[in-house]
All heavy atoms as atom14 arrays in JSON, in Angstrom:
{
  "sequence": "DFWTKPGYLGHDHPEYFTKDRIQFKTTVGAP",
  "atom14_mask": [
    [1, 1, 1, 1, 1, 1, 1, 1, 0, 0, 0, 0, 0, 0],
    [1, 1, 1, 1, 1, 1, 1, 1, 1, 1, 1, 0, 0, 0],
    [1, 1, 1, 1, 1, 1, 1, 1, 1, 1, 1, 1, 1, 1],
    [1, 1, 1, 1, 1, 1, 1, 0, 0, 0, 0, 0, 0, 0],
    [1, 1, 1, 1, 1, 1, 1, 1, 1, 0, 0, 0, 0, 0],
    [1, 1, 1, 1, 1, 1, 1, 0, 0, 0, 0, 0, 0, 0],
    [1, 1, 1, 1, 0, 0, 0, 0, 0, 0, 0, 0, 0, 0],
    [1, 1, 1, 1, 1, 1, 1, 1, 1, 1, 1, 1, 0, 0],
    [1, 1, 1, 1, 1, 1, 1, 1, 0, 0, 0, 0, 0, 0],
    [1, 1, 1, 1, 0, 0, 0, 0, 0, 0, 0, 0, 0, 0],
    [1, 1, 1, 1, 1, 1, 1, 1, 1, 1, 0, 0, 0, 0],
    [1, 1, 1, 1, 1, 1, 1, 1, 0, 0, 0, 0, 0, 0],
    [1, 1, 1, 1, 1, 1, 1, 1, 1, 1, 0, 0, 0, 0],
    [1, 1, 1, 1, 1, 1, 1, 0, 0, 0, 0, 0, 0, 0],
    [1, 1, 1, 1, 1, 1, 1, 1, 1, 0, 0, 0, 0, 0],
    [1, 1, 1, 1, 1, 1, 1, 1, 1, 1, 1, 1, 0, 0],
    [1, 1, 1, 1, 1, 1, 1, 1, 1, 1, 1, 0, 0, 0],
    [1, 1, 1, 1, 1, 1, 1, 0, 0, 0, 0, 0, 0, 0],
    [1, 1, 1, 1, 1, 1, 1, 1, 1, 0, 0, 0, 0, 0],
    [1, 1, 1, 1, 1, 1, 1, 1, 0, 0, 0, 0, 0, 0],
    [1, 1, 1, 1, 1, 1, 1, 1, 1, 1, 1, 0, 0, 0],
    [1, 1, 1, 1, 1, 1, 1, 1, 0, 0, 0, 0, 0, 0],
    [1, 1, 1, 1, 1, 1, 1, 1, 1, 0, 0, 0, 0, 0],
    [1, 1, 1, 1, 1, 1, 1, 1, 1, 1, 1, 0, 0, 0],
    [1, 1, 1, 1, 1, 1, 1, 1, 1, 0, 0, 0, 0, 0],
    [1, 1, 1, 1, 1, 1, 1, 0, 0, 0, 0, 0, 0, 0],
    [1, 1, 1, 1, 1, 1, 1, 0, 0, 0, 0, 0, 0, 0],
    [1, 1, 1, 1, 1, 1, 1, 0, 0, 0, 0, 0, 0, 0],
    [1, 1, 1, 1, 0, 0, 0, 0, 0, 0, 0, 0, 0, 0],
    [1, 1, 1, 1, 1, 0, 0, 0, 0, 0, 0, 0, 0, 0],
    [1, 1, 1, 1, 1, 1, 1, 0, 0, 0, 0, 0, 0, 0]
  ],
  "atom14_positions": [
    [[2.55, -3.98, 5.15], [1.87, -5.29, 5.05], [2.48, -6.15, 3.9], [2.64, -7.36, 4.04], [0.39, -5.1, 4.74], [-0.39, -4.56, 5.96], [0.22, -4.48, 7.04], [-1.56, -4.17, 5.79], [0.0, 0.0, 0.0], [0.0, 0.0, 0.0], [0.0, 0.0, 0.0], [0.0, 0.0, 0.0], [0.0, 0.0, 0.0], [0.0, 0.0, 0.0]],
    [[2.84, -5.48, 2.82], [3.39, -6.18, 1.68], [4.62, -6.97, 2.0], [4.8, -8.08, 1.52], [3.69, -5.2, 0.53], [4.26, -5.83, -0.69], [3.47, -6.4, -1.64], [5.64, -5.81, -0.89], [4.01, -7.01, -2.78], [6.2, -6.4, -2.04], [5.39, -7.0, -2.96], [0.0, 0.0, 0.0], [0.0, 0.0, 0.0], [0.0, 0.0, 0.0]],
    [[5.49, -6.39, 2.82], [6.76, -7.07, 3.16], [6.66, -7.95, 4.38], [7.6, -8.73, 4.63], [7.84, -6.0, 3.35], [8.1, -5.15, 2.12], [7.71, -3.89, 1.9], [8.78, -5.58, 0.94], [8.11, -3.44, 0.64], [8.78, -4.5, 0.01], [9.41, -6.75, 0.53], [9.35, -4.54, -1.25], [10.01, -6.81, -0.73], [9.99, -5.73, -1.57]],
    [[5.58, -7.8, 5.2], [5.65, -8.51, 6.45], [4.5, -9.49, 6.7], [4.56, -10.28, 7.66], [5.59, -7.48, 7.62], [4.36, -6.7, 7.51], [6.78, -6.55, 7.53], [0.0, 0.0, 0.0], [0.0, 0.0, 0.0], [0.0, 0.0, 0.0], [0.0, 0.0, 0.0], [0.0, 0.0, 0.0], [0.0, 0.0, 0.0], [0.0, 0.0, 0.0]],
    [[3.45, -9.51, 5.85], [2.29, -10.36, 6.12], [2.1, -11.41, 5.05], [2.29, -11.16, 3.84], [1.03, -9.48, 6.24], [1.02, -8.58, 7.47], [-0.3, -7.87, 7.62], [-0.33, -7.02, 8.9], [-1.68, -6.35, 9.06], [0.0, 0.0, 0.0], [0.0, 0.0, 0.0], [0.0, 0.0, 0.0], [0.0, 0.0, 0.0], [0.0, 0.0, 0.0]],
    [[1.67, -12.61, 5.47], [1.38, -13.68, 4.51], [0.29, -13.27, 3.5], [-0.62, -12.54, 3.87], [0.91, -14.84, 5.41], [1.5, -14.56, 6.76], [1.5, -13.06, 6.86], [0.0, 0.0, 0.0], [0.0, 0.0, 0.0], [0.0, 0.0, 0.0], [0.0, 0.0, 0.0], [0.0, 0.0, 0.0], [0.0, 0.0, 0.0], [0.0, 0.0, 0.0]],
    [[0.43, -13.81, 2.31], [-0.52, -13.47, 1.25], [-0.08, -12.37, 0.37], [-0.71, -12.11, -0.69], [0.0, 0.0, 0.0], [0.0, 0.0, 0.0], [0.0, 0.0, 0.0], [0.0, 0.0, 0.0], [0.0, 0.0, 0.0], [0.0, 0.0, 0.0], [0.0, 0.0, 0.0], [0.0, 0.0, 0.0], [0.0, 0.0, 0.0], [0.0, 0.0, 0.0]],
    [[0.96, -11.61, 0.75], [1.52, -10.56, -0.07], [2.88, -11.04, -0.68], [3.63, -11.73, -0.01], [1.78, -9.28, 0.76], [0.5, -8.68, 1.25], [-0.08, -9.03, 2.46], [-0.11, -7.66, 0.55], [-1.24, -8.49, 2.94], [-1.29, -7.05, 1.02], [-1.85, -7.48, 2.2], [-3.03, -6.93, 2.66], [0.0, 0.0, 0.0], [0.0, 0.0, 0.0]],
    [[3.12, -10.7, -1.91], [4.25, -11.26, -2.62], [5.57, -10.93, -1.96], [6.52, -11.74, -1.97], [4.23, -10.74, -4.07], [5.14, -11.55, -5.06], [4.71, -12.99, -5.17], [5.14, -10.86, -6.44], [0.0, 0.0, 0.0], [0.0, 0.0, 0.0], [0.0, 0.0, 0.0], [0.0, 0.0, 0.0], [0.0, 0.0, 0.0], [0.0, 0.0, 0.0]],
    [[5.71, -9.74, -1.4], [6.95, -9.34, -0.75], [7.27, -10.2, 0.44], [8.46, -10.45, 0.73], [0.0, 0.0, 0.0], [0.0, 0.0, 0.0], [0.0, 0.0, 0.0], [0.0, 0.0, 0.0], [0.0, 0.0, 0.0], [0.0, 0.0, 0.0], [0.0, 0.0, 0.0], [0.0, 0.0, 0.0], [0.0, 0.0, 0.0], [0.0, 0.0, 0.0]],
    [[6.28, -10.68, 1.17], [6.48, -11.58, 2.29], [6.69, -13.0, 1.82], [7.61, -13.71, 2.26], [5.31, -11.51, 3.26], [5.35, -12.52, 4.34], [4.86, -13.83, 4.17], [5.88, -12.5, 5.61], [5.06, -14.53, 5.24], [5.66, -13.75, 6.14], [0.0, 0.0, 0.0], [0.0, 0.0, 0.0], [0.0, 0.0, 0.0], [0.0, 0.0, 0.0]],
    [[5.84, -13.45, 0.89], [5.86, -14.84, 0.5], [7.03, -15.17, -0.41], [7.53, -16.32, -0.35], [4.54, -15.18, -0.24], [3.32, -15.07, 0.65], [3.5, -14.94, 1.87], [2.19, -15.08, 0.13], [0.0, 0.0, 0.0], [0.0, 0.0, 0.0], [0.0, 0.0, 0.0], [0.0, 0.0, 0.0], [0.0, 0.0, 0.0], [0.0, 0.0, 0.0]],
    [[7.45, -14.23, -1.22], [8.56, -14.46, -2.16], [9.5, -13.28, -2.25], [9.62, -12.64, -3.31], [8.02, -14.82, -3.57], [7.35, -16.16, -3.65], [8.05, -17.31, -3.7], [6.01, -16.46, -3.66], [7.17, -18.33, -3.74], [5.96, -17.83, -3.72], [0.0, 0.0, 0.0], [0.0, 0.0, 0.0], [0.0, 0.0, 0.0], [0.0, 0.0, 0.0]],
    [[10.19, -12.95, -1.19], [11.11, -11.81, -1.22], [12.22, -11.96, -2.25], [12.8, -10.98, -2.7], [11.66, -11.74, 0.21], [11.49, -13.11, 0.75], [10.23, -13.62, 0.14], [0.0, 0.0, 0.0], [0.0, 0.0, 0.0], [0.0, 0.0, 0.0], [0.0, 0.0, 0.0], [0.0, 0.0, 0.0], [0.0, 0.0, 0.0], [0.0, 0.0, 0.0]],
    [[12.5, -13.22, -2.59], [13.58, -13.46, -3.58], [13.27, -12.88, -4.95], [14.2, -12.64, -5.76], [13.86, -14.97, -3.73], [12.77, -15.76, -4.39], [11.64, -16.22, -3.46], [11.58, -15.7, -2.33], [10.84, -17.08, -3.86], [0.0, 0.0, 0.0], [0.0, 0.0, 0.0], [0.0, 0.0, 0.0], [0.0, 0.0, 0.0], [0.0, 0.0, 0.0]],
    [[12.0, -12.66, -5.25], [11.64, -12.05, -6.51], [12.13, -10.61, -6.65], [12.12, -10.02, -7.75], [10.11, -12.09, -6.73], [9.54, -13.49, -6.96], [8.19, -13.72, -6.76], [10.32, -14.55, -7.31], [7.64, -14.97, -6.95], [9.8, -15.81, -7.52], [8.46, -16.01, -7.34], [7.92, -17.27, -7.53], [0.0, 0.0, 0.0], [0.0, 0.0, 0.0]],
    [[12.48, -9.99, -5.51], [12.81, -8.57, -5.51], [14.28, -8.31, -5.1], [14.7, -7.15, -5.15], [11.89, -7.84, -4.51], [10.42, -8.01, -4.78], [9.69, -9.0, -4.15], [9.78, -7.17, -5.68], [8.35, -9.18, -4.41], [8.42, -7.32, -5.93], [7.71, -8.32, -5.3], [0.0, 0.0, 0.0], [0.0, 0.0, 0.0], [0.0, 0.0, 0.0]],
    [[14.98, -9.35, -4.73], [16.32, -9.16, -4.16], [17.23, -8.29, -4.99], [17.82, -7.33, -4.51], [16.97, -10.5, -3.86], [16.14, -11.27, -3.01], [18.34, -10.33, -3.25], [0.0, 0.0, 0.0], [0.0, 0.0, 0.0], [0.0, 0.0, 0.0], [0.0, 0.0, 0.0], [0.0, 0.0, 0.0], [0.0, 0.0, 0.0], [0.0, 0.0, 0.0]],
    [[17.33, -8.59, -6.28], [18.34, -7.88, -7.09], [17.89, -6.46, -7.5], [18.74, -5.66, -7.94], [18.69, -8.71, -8.35], [17.6, -8.73, -9.43], [18.12, -9.42, -10.67], [17.04, -9.45, -11.76], [17.56, -10.08, -13.03], [0.0, 0.0, 0.0], [0.0, 0.0, 0.0], [0.0, 0.0, 0.0], [0.0, 0.0, 0.0], [0.0, 0.0, 0.0]],
    [[16.6, -6.16, -7.33], [16.1, -4.85, -7.75], [15.75, -3.92, -6.57], [15.5, -2.72, -6.79], [14.87, -5.04, -8.63], [15.2, -5.69, -9.95], [16.31, -5.48, -10.44], [14.36, -6.44, -10.44], [0.0, 0.0, 0.0], [0.0, 0.0, 0.0], [0.0, 0.0, 0.0], [0.0, 0.0, 0.0], [0.0, 0.0, 0.0], [0.0, 0.0, 0.0]],
    [[15.69, -4.48, -5.38], [15.31, -3.6, -4.24], [16.55, -2.84, -3.74], [17.65, -3.4, -3.63], [14.73, -4.45, -3.12], [14.13, -3.62, -1.97], [13.58, -4.49, -0.91], [12.88, -3.74, 0.16], [12.4, -4.21, 1.3], [12.54, -5.54, 1.54], [11.85, -3.46, 2.15], [0.0, 0.0, 0.0], [0.0, 0.0, 0.0], [0.0, 0.0, 0.0]],
    [[16.36, -1.54, -3.52], [17.47, -0.74, -3.06], [17.01, 0.05, -1.82], [15.91, 0.63, -1.78], [17.94, 0.22, -4.15], [19.13, 1.08, -3.68], [16.83, 1.13, -4.7], [19.79, 1.9, -4.75], [0.0, 0.0, 0.0], [0.0, 0.0, 0.0], [0.0, 0.0, 0.0], [0.0, 0.0, 0.0], [0.0, 0.0, 0.0], [0.0, 0.0, 0.0]],
    [[17.85, 0.07, -0.82], [17.67, 0.89, 0.4], [19.1, 1.41, 0.74], [19.73, 0.9, 1.62], [17.08, 0.05, 1.54], [15.65, -0.44, 1.24], [15.12, -1.37, 2.3], [15.71, -2.45, 2.56], [14.02, -0.99, 2.94], [0.0, 0.0, 0.0], [0.0, 0.0, 0.0], [0.0, 0.0, 0.0], [0.0, 0.0, 0.0], [0.0, 0.0, 0.0]],
    [[19.46, 2.47, 0.02], [20.83, 2.94, 0.05], [20.92, 4.24, 0.83], [20.29, 5.24, 0.5], [21.32, 3.14, -1.35], [22.76, 3.59, -1.46], [23.75, 2.68, -1.3], [23.04, 4.92, -1.75], [25.08, 3.11, -1.4], [24.34, 5.36, -1.86], [25.37, 4.44, -1.66], [0.0, 0.0, 0.0], [0.0, 0.0, 0.0], [0.0, 0.0, 0.0]],
    [[21.77, 4.24, 1.89], [21.94, 5.42, 2.7], [23.1, 6.27, 2.18], [24.17, 5.72, 1.83], [22.19, 5.0, 4.14], [21.02, 4.29, 4.84], [21.34, 3.99, 6.23], [20.19, 3.22, 6.91], [18.92, 4.03, 6.98], [0.0, 0.0, 0.0], [0.0, 0.0, 0.0], [0.0, 0.0, 0.0], [0.0, 0.0, 0.0], [0.0, 0.0, 0.0]],
    [[22.93, 7.54, 2.08], [23.95, 8.47, 1.65], [23.62, 9.9, 2.18], [22.75, 10.03, 3.02], [24.07, 8.46, 0.11], [25.14, 9.29, -0.29], [22.76, 8.88, -0.55], [0.0, 0.0, 0.0], [0.0, 0.0, 0.0], [0.0, 0.0, 0.0], [0.0, 0.0, 0.0], [0.0, 0.0, 0.0], [0.0, 0.0, 0.0], [0.0, 0.0, 0.0]],
    [[24.3, 10.89, 1.67], [24.04, 12.28, 2.06], [23.89, 13.1, 0.8], [24.36, 12.77, -0.29], [25.15, 12.86, 2.91], [26.41, 12.72, 2.25], [25.21, 12.13, 4.27], [0.0, 0.0, 0.0], [0.0, 0.0, 0.0], [0.0, 0.0, 0.0], [0.0, 0.0, 0.0], [0.0, 0.0, 0.0], [0.0, 0.0, 0.0], [0.0, 0.0, 0.0]],
    [[23.19, 14.22, 0.95], [22.91, 15.12, -0.17], [24.16, 15.98, -0.49], [24.81, 16.5, 0.43], [21.74, 16.01, 0.14], [21.53, 17.08, -0.95], [20.46, 15.19, 0.3], [0.0, 0.0, 0.0], [0.0, 0.0, 0.0], [0.0, 0.0, 0.0], [0.0, 0.0, 0.0], [0.0, 0.0, 0.0], [0.0, 0.0, 0.0], [0.0, 0.0, 0.0]],
    [[24.47, 16.08, -1.78], [25.55, 16.93, -2.19], [25.03, 18.31, -2.56], [25.18, 19.3, -1.8], [0.0, 0.0, 0.0], [0.0, 0.0, 0.0], [0.0, 0.0, 0.0], [0.0, 0.0, 0.0], [0.0, 0.0, 0.0], [0.0, 0.0, 0.0], [0.0, 0.0, 0.0], [0.0, 0.0, 0.0], [0.0, 0.0, 0.0], [0.0, 0.0, 0.0]],
    [[24.33, 18.42, -3.72], [23.89, 19.72, -4.18], [22.55, 19.55, -4.94], [22.31, 18.49, -5.5], [24.9, 20.4, -5.06], [0.0, 0.0, 0.0], [0.0, 0.0, 0.0], [0.0, 0.0, 0.0], [0.0, 0.0, 0.0], [0.0, 0.0, 0.0], [0.0, 0.0, 0.0], [0.0, 0.0, 0.0], [0.0, 0.0, 0.0], [0.0, 0.0, 0.0]],
    [[21.76, 20.6, -5.03], [20.49, 20.51, -5.84], [20.78, 20.5, -7.36], [21.82, 21.01, -7.79], [19.75, 21.73, -5.43], [20.76, 22.72, -4.99], [21.87, 21.9, -4.36], [0.0, 0.0, 0.0], [0.0, 0.0, 0.0], [0.0, 0.0, 0.0], [0.0, 0.0, 0.0], [0.0, 0.0, 0.0], [0.0, 0.0, 0.0], [0.0, 0.0, 0.0]]
  ]
}
């Protein structure tokens, strides 16, 4: 809801999070 619905900051102002949001795909090396 935060990212997709009006009234939540993530939907209304996604630019506030652009430089700090991370969704990075990779693979596990070792524990």
